[in-house]
């Protein structure tokens, strides 16, 4: 008996022969469906690339593996939720310059974990951040602290003041107020 599956067309309950995805009535959608699948695979959504990323970048050392595993613990989930509630889901970096970006769901370490591993679970070292600010801050951290893959950590003063970090991220001076976040 040939192998069959249900037609992918919404509301159609006809069966089609494998490897087809649409019945003879809706066969015109087959090319479009296969094209979207190929496009999705070409974007890097495959197991081989994910495995390479996890083994080469994410888990490149025992310290990075431990750091990554921390983000999968209940302790992190609890801390993250407390910080989101404390900051009302508002990006603290945008707030410094007078913008209110609601529904930010990323919680970021003010001083990166690579620089100060002892503060990874310190609530005072965490702040809500929006996606654009997170990208800018990550780039700034790579330049200032030397964090990231292929970089070497620099011996610089850790900065825990969000206002000062925002000034430095935006090209300002580094002698802003020394107000501590928490």
C-alpha atoms as a PDB file:
ATOM      1  CA  UNK A   1       0.000   0.000   0.000  1.00  0.00           C
ATOM      2  CA  UNK A   2       1.454   3.425  -0.936  1.00  0.00           C
ATOM      3  CA  UNK A   3       2.235   5.912   1.826  1.00  0.00           C
ATOM      4  CA  UNK A   4      -0.083   8.879   2.011  1.00  0.00           C
ATOM      5  CA  UNK A   5      -0.598  12.038   4.030  1.00  0.00           C
ATOM      6  CA  UNK A   6      -3.326  14.626   4.377  1.00  0.00           C
ATOM      7  CA  UNK A   7      -3.286  17.594   1.967  1.00  0.00           C
ATOM      8  CA  UNK A   8      -1.731  20.740   3.498  1.00  0.00           C
ATOM      9  CA  UNK A   9      -4.459  22.994   2.070  1.00  0.00           C
ATOM     10  CA  UNK A  10      -6.559  24.413   4.890  1.00  0.00           C
ATOM     11  CA  UNK A  11      -9.910  22.649   5.100  1.00  0.00           C
ATOM     12  CA  UNK A  12      -9.014  19.934   2.584  1.00  0.00           C
ATOM     13  CA  UNK A  13      -9.144  16.410   3.969  1.00  0.00           C
ATOM     14  CA  UNK A  14      -8.062  14.624   0.797  1.00  0.00           C
ATOM     15  CA  UNK A  15      -5.049  12.327   0.880  1.00  0.00           C
ATOM     16  CA  UNK A  16      -1.985  12.743  -1.314  1.00  0.00           C
ATOM     17  CA  UNK A  17       0.815  10.318  -2.130  1.00  0.00           C
ATOM     18  CA  UNK A  18       4.194  10.885  -0.496  1.00  0.00           C
ATOM     19  CA  UNK A  19       6.444  12.824  -1.149  1.00  0.00           C
ATOM     20  CA  UNK A  20       3.773  15.318  -2.317  1.00  0.00           C
ATOM     21  CA  UNK A  21       2.253  17.760   0.195  1.00  0.00           C
ATOM     22  CA  UNK A  22      -0.909  18.684  -1.733  1.00  0.00           C
ATOM     23  CA  UNK A  23      -3.671  16.632  -3.330  1.00  0.00           C
ATOM     24  CA  UNK A  24      -4.279  16.786  -7.119  1.00  0.00           C
ATOM     25  CA  UNK A  25      -6.939  19.465  -6.545  1.00  0.00           C
ATOM     26  CA  UNK A  26      -4.430  21.825  -4.825  1.00  0.00           C
ATOM     27  CA  UNK A  27      -1.209  20.751  -6.579  1.00  0.00           C
ATOM     28  CA  UNK A  28      -0.551  24.359  -7.738  1.00  0.00           C
ATOM     29  CA  UNK A  29       0.568  25.218  -4.152  1.00  0.00           C
ATOM     30  CA  UNK A  30       3.303  22.535  -4.107  1.00  0.00           C
ATOM     31  CA  UNK A  31       6.042  24.667  -5.732  1.00  0.00           C
ATOM     32  CA  UNK A  32       5.348  27.623  -3.445  1.00  0.00           C
ATOM     33  CA  UNK A  33       5.435  25.397  -0.361  1.00  0.00           C
ATOM     34  CA  UNK A  34       8.714  23.746  -1.397  1.00  0.00           C
ATOM     35  CA  UNK A  35      10.242  27.163  -2.103  1.00  0.00           C
ATOM     36  CA  UNK A  36       9.372  28.425   1.391  1.00  0.00           C
ATOM     37  CA  UNK A  37      10.845  25.264   2.932  1.00  0.00           C
ATOM     38  CA  UNK A  38      14.068  25.703   0.948  1.00  0.00           C
ATOM     39  CA  UNK A  39      14.254  29.378   1.929  1.00  0.00           C
ATOM     40  CA  UNK A  40      13.790  28.466   5.600  1.00  0.00           C
ATOM     41  CA  UNK A  41      16.587  25.883   5.429  1.00  0.00           C
ATOM     42  CA  UNK A  42      18.917  28.345   3.691  1.00  0.00           C
ATOM     43  CA  UNK A  43      18.449  30.841   6.512  1.00  0.00           C
ATOM     44  CA  UNK A  44      20.421  28.552   8.779  1.00  0.00           C
ATOM     45  CA  UNK A  45      17.570  26.798  10.513  1.00  0.00           C
ATOM     46  CA  UNK A  46      19.078  23.363  10.422  1.00  0.00           C
ATOM     47  CA  UNK A  47      20.541  21.019  12.978  1.00  0.00           C
ATOM     48  CA  UNK A  48      24.089  21.075  11.618  1.00  0.00           C
ATOM     49  CA  UNK A  49      24.440  24.845  11.936  1.00  0.00           C
ATOM     50  CA  UNK A  50      22.821  24.866  15.372  1.00  0.00           C
ATOM     51  CA  UNK A  51      25.182  22.118  16.512  1.00  0.00           C
ATOM     52  CA  UNK A  52      28.194  24.001  15.138  1.00  0.00           C
ATOM     53  CA  UNK A  53      27.088  27.208  16.869  1.00  0.00           C
ATOM     54  CA  UNK A  54      26.551  25.425  20.175  1.00  0.00           C
ATOM     55  CA  UNK A  55      29.887  23.592  20.132  1.00  0.00           C
ATOM     56  CA  UNK A  56      32.111  26.299  18.637  1.00  0.00           C
ATOM     57  CA  UNK A  57      30.636  29.555  19.938  1.00  0.00           C
ATOM     58  CA  UNK A  58      28.266  28.985  22.835  1.00  0.00           C
ATOM     59  CA  UNK A  59      30.178  26.188  24.597  1.00  0.00           C
ATOM     60  CA  UNK A  60      33.701  27.177  23.514  1.00  0.00           C
ATOM     61  CA  UNK A  61      35.067  26.774  27.031  1.00  0.00           C
ATOM     62  CA  UNK A  62      33.993  25.376  30.365  1.00  0.00           C
ATOM     63  CA  UNK A  63      33.342  28.923  31.648  1.00  0.00           C
ATOM     64  CA  UNK A  64      31.045  29.731  28.711  1.00  0.00           C
ATOM     65  CA  UNK A  65      29.278  26.364  29.093  1.00  0.00           C
ATOM     66  CA  UNK A  66      28.669  27.096  32.784  1.00  0.00           C
ATOM     67  CA  UNK A  67      27.473  30.615  31.920  1.00  0.00           C
ATOM     68  CA  UNK A  68      25.049  29.286  29.278  1.00  0.00           C
ATOM     69  CA  UNK A  69      23.730  26.602  31.633  1.00  0.00           C
ATOM     70  CA  UNK A  70      23.019  29.274  34.280  1.00  0.00           C
ATOM     71  CA  UNK A  71      20.444  30.836  31.938  1.00  0.00           C
ATOM     72  CA  UNK A  72      18.576  27.525  31.906  1.00  0.00           C
ATOM     73  CA  UNK A  73      18.081  27.313  35.690  1.00  0.00           C
ATOM     74  CA  UNK A  74      15.089  28.126  37.870  1.00  0.00           C
ATOM     75  CA  UNK A  75      17.215  30.657  39.706  1.00  0.00           C
ATOM     76  CA  UNK A  76      17.677  32.660  36.484  1.00  0.00           C
ATOM     77  CA  UNK A  77      13.978  32.390  35.568  1.00  0.00           C
ATOM     78  CA  UNK A  78      13.049  33.702  39.018  1.00  0.00           C
ATOM     79  CA  UNK A  79      15.615  36.541  38.900  1.00  0.00           C
ATOM     80  CA  UNK A  80      14.609  37.498  35.370  1.00  0.00           C
ATOM     81  CA  UNK A  81      10.936  37.752  36.305  1.00  0.00           C
ATOM     82  CA  UNK A  82      11.723  39.831  39.399  1.00  0.00           C
ATOM     83  CA  UNK A  83      13.752  42.286  37.298  1.00  0.00           C
ATOM     84  CA  UNK A  84      11.038  42.484  34.619  1.00  0.00           C
ATOM     85  CA  UNK A  85       8.461  43.263  37.312  1.00  0.00           C
ATOM     86  CA  UNK A  86      10.776  45.737  39.060  1.00  0.00           C
ATOM     87  CA  UNK A  87      11.470  47.643  35.812  1.00  0.00           C
ATOM     88  CA  UNK A  88       7.872  47.319  34.529  1.00  0.00           C
ATOM     89  CA  UNK A  89       9.095  45.797  31.248  1.00  0.00           C
ATOM     90  CA  UNK A  90      10.645  49.169  30.287  1.00  0.00           C
ATOM     91  CA  UNK A  91      14.112  49.416  28.739  1.00  0.00           C
ATOM     92  CA  UNK A  92      16.280  51.098  31.355  1.00  0.00           C
ATOM     93  CA  UNK A  93      18.821  52.266  28.771  1.00  0.00           C
ATOM     94  CA  UNK A  94      16.163  54.093  26.710  1.00  0.00           C
ATOM     95  CA  UNK A  95      14.668  55.495  29.914  1.00  0.00           C
ATOM     96  CA  UNK A  96      17.960  57.288  30.618  1.00  0.00           C
ATOM     97  CA  UNK A  97      17.576  59.316  27.409  1.00  0.00           C
ATOM     98  CA  UNK A  98      13.879  59.980  28.019  1.00  0.00           C
ATOM     99  CA  UNK A  99      12.287  57.299  25.830  1.00  0.00           C
ATOM    100  CA  UNK A 100       9.864  54.717  27.185  1.00  0.00           C
ATOM    101  CA  UNK A 101      10.066  51.446  25.277  1.00  0.00           C
ATOM    102  CA  UNK A 102       7.325  49.138  26.628  1.00  0.00           C
ATOM    103  CA  UNK A 103       7.253  45.341  26.456  1.00  0.00           C
ATOM    104  CA  UNK A 104      11.018  44.849  26.543  1.00  0.00           C
ATOM    105  CA  UNK A 105      11.517  41.273  27.670  1.00  0.00           C
ATOM    106  CA  UNK A 106      15.296  40.906  27.706  1.00  0.00           C
ATOM    107  CA  UNK A 107      17.118  41.090  31.016  1.00  0.00           C
ATOM    108  CA  UNK A 108      20.785  42.021  30.692  1.00  0.00           C
ATOM    109  CA  UNK A 109      23.749  42.049  33.040  1.00  0.00           C
ATOM    110  CA  UNK A 110      24.951  45.628  33.501  1.00  0.00           C
ATOM    111  CA  UNK A 111      28.473  44.335  34.144  1.00  0.00           C
ATOM    112  CA  UNK A 112      28.938  41.308  31.856  1.00  0.00           C
ATOM    113  CA  UNK A 113      29.229  37.879  33.460  1.00  0.00           C
ATOM    114  CA  UNK A 114      32.584  37.371  31.722  1.00  0.00           C
ATOM    115  CA  UNK A 115      33.963  40.397  33.588  1.00  0.00           C
ATOM    116  CA  UNK A 116      32.414  39.726  36.992  1.00  0.00           C
ATOM    117  CA  UNK A 117      31.148  36.121  37.297  1.00  0.00           C
ATOM    118  CA  UNK A 118      30.374  36.580  40.995  1.00  0.00           C
ATOM    119  CA  UNK A 119      27.581  39.050  40.098  1.00  0.00           C
ATOM    120  CA  UNK A 120      25.714  36.840  37.640  1.00  0.00           C
ATOM    121  CA  UNK A 121      22.901  36.243  40.159  1.00  0.00           C
ATOM    122  CA  UNK A 122      22.973  39.740  41.691  1.00  0.00           C
ATOM    123  CA  UNK A 123      19.661  41.481  41.046  1.00  0.00           C
ATOM    124  CA  UNK A 124      21.354  44.895  41.273  1.00  0.00           C
ATOM    125  CA  UNK A 125      23.502  43.933  38.269  1.00  0.00           C
ATOM    126  CA  UNK A 126      20.452  43.253  36.072  1.00  0.00           C
ATOM    127  CA  UNK A 127      18.328  45.614  33.983  1.00  0.00           C
ATOM    128  CA  UNK A 128      15.620  45.294  31.336  1.00  0.00           C
ATOM    129  CA  UNK A 129      16.853  46.200  27.871  1.00  0.00           C
ATOM    130  CA  UNK A 130      15.227  46.468  24.436  1.00  0.00           C
ATOM    131  CA  UNK A 131      16.632  44.718  21.384  1.00  0.00           C
ATOM    132  CA  UNK A 132      18.314  47.769  19.735  1.00  0.00           C
ATOM    133  CA  UNK A 133      19.947  48.831  23.017  1.00  0.00           C
ATOM    134  CA  UNK A 134      21.063  45.254  23.689  1.00  0.00           C
ATOM    135  CA  UNK A 135      22.805  45.139  20.323  1.00  0.00           C
ATOM    136  CA  UNK A 136      24.511  48.506  20.962  1.00  0.00           C
ATOM    137  CA  UNK A 137      25.519  47.508  24.471  1.00  0.00           C
ATOM    138  CA  UNK A 138      26.976  44.190  23.303  1.00  0.00           C
ATOM    139  CA  UNK A 139      29.093  46.036  20.722  1.00  0.00           C
ATOM    140  CA  UNK A 140      30.178  48.546  23.377  1.00  0.00           C
ATOM    141  CA  UNK A 141      31.092  45.706  25.787  1.00  0.00           C
ATOM    142  CA  UNK A 142      33.273  44.118  23.107  1.00  0.00           C
ATOM    143  CA  UNK A 143      35.196  47.368  22.707  1.00  0.00           C
ATOM    144  CA  UNK A 144      35.341  48.434  26.359  1.00  0.00           C
ATOM    145  CA  UNK A 145      35.709  45.121  28.217  1.00  0.00           C
ATOM    146  CA  UNK A 146      37.006  42.911  25.401  1.00  0.00           C
ATOM    147  CA  UNK A 147      34.178  40.384  25.780  1.00  0.00           C
ATOM    148  CA  UNK A 148      33.005  38.045  23.057  1.00  0.00           C
ATOM    149  CA  UNK A 149      34.428  35.255  20.961  1.00  0.00           C
ATOM    150  CA  UNK A 150      38.011  35.872  19.873  1.00  0.00           C
ATOM    151  CA  UNK A 151      38.568  38.836  22.180  1.00  0.00           C
ATOM    152  CA  UNK A 152      40.741  39.076  25.244  1.00  0.00           C
ATOM    153  CA  UNK A 153      39.351  40.645  28.427  1.00  0.00           C
ATOM    154  CA  UNK A 154      40.835  44.048  29.219  1.00  0.00           C
ATOM    155  CA  UNK A 155      41.802  45.177  32.701  1.00  0.00           C
ATOM    156  CA  UNK A 156      39.360  48.105  32.960  1.00  0.00           C
ATOM    157  CA  UNK A 157      37.110  49.477  35.673  1.00  0.00           C
ATOM    158  CA  UNK A 158      33.689  47.750  35.653  1.00  0.00           C
ATOM    159  CA  UNK A 159      30.900  50.291  35.154  1.00  0.00           C
ATOM    160  CA  UNK A 160      27.660  49.642  37.036  1.00  0.00           C
ATOM    161  CA  UNK A 161      25.925  52.942  36.300  1.00  0.00           C
ATOM    162  CA  UNK A 162      23.391  52.629  33.455  1.00  0.00           C
ATOM    163  CA  UNK A 163      23.531  56.394  32.733  1.00  0.00           C
ATOM    164  CA  UNK A 164      27.289  56.293  32.294  1.00  0.00           C
ATOM    165  CA  UNK A 165      27.054  53.216  30.065  1.00  0.00           C
ATOM    166  CA  UNK A 166      24.438  54.916  27.853  1.00  0.00           C
ATOM    167  CA  UNK A 167      26.677  57.979  27.496  1.00  0.00           C
ATOM    168  CA  UNK A 168      29.639  55.809  26.550  1.00  0.00           C
ATOM    169  CA  UNK A 169      27.544  53.668  24.165  1.00  0.00           C
ATOM    170  CA  UNK A 170      26.448  56.815  22.362  1.00  0.00           C
ATOM    171  CA  UNK A 171      29.973  58.204  22.115  1.00  0.00           C
ATOM    172  CA  UNK A 172      29.787  60.557  25.108  1.00  0.00           C
ATOM    173  CA  UNK A 173      32.388  60.968  27.810  1.00  0.00           C
ATOM    174  CA  UNK A 174      32.836  58.472  30.599  1.00  0.00           C
ATOM    175  CA  UNK A 175      32.703  60.966  33.462  1.00  0.00           C
ATOM    176  CA  UNK A 176      28.940  61.074  33.986  1.00  0.00           C
ATOM    177  CA  UNK A 177      27.298  60.792  37.359  1.00  0.00           C
ATOM    178  CA  UNK A 178      28.437  57.883  39.461  1.00  0.00           C
ATOM    179  CA  UNK A 179      24.931  56.905  40.562  1.00  0.00           C
ATOM    180  CA  UNK A 180      24.665  53.165  41.134  1.00  0.00           C
ATOM    181  CA  UNK A 181      21.617  51.476  39.551  1.00  0.00           C
ATOM    182  CA  UNK A 182      20.319  49.473  42.495  1.00  0.00           C
END
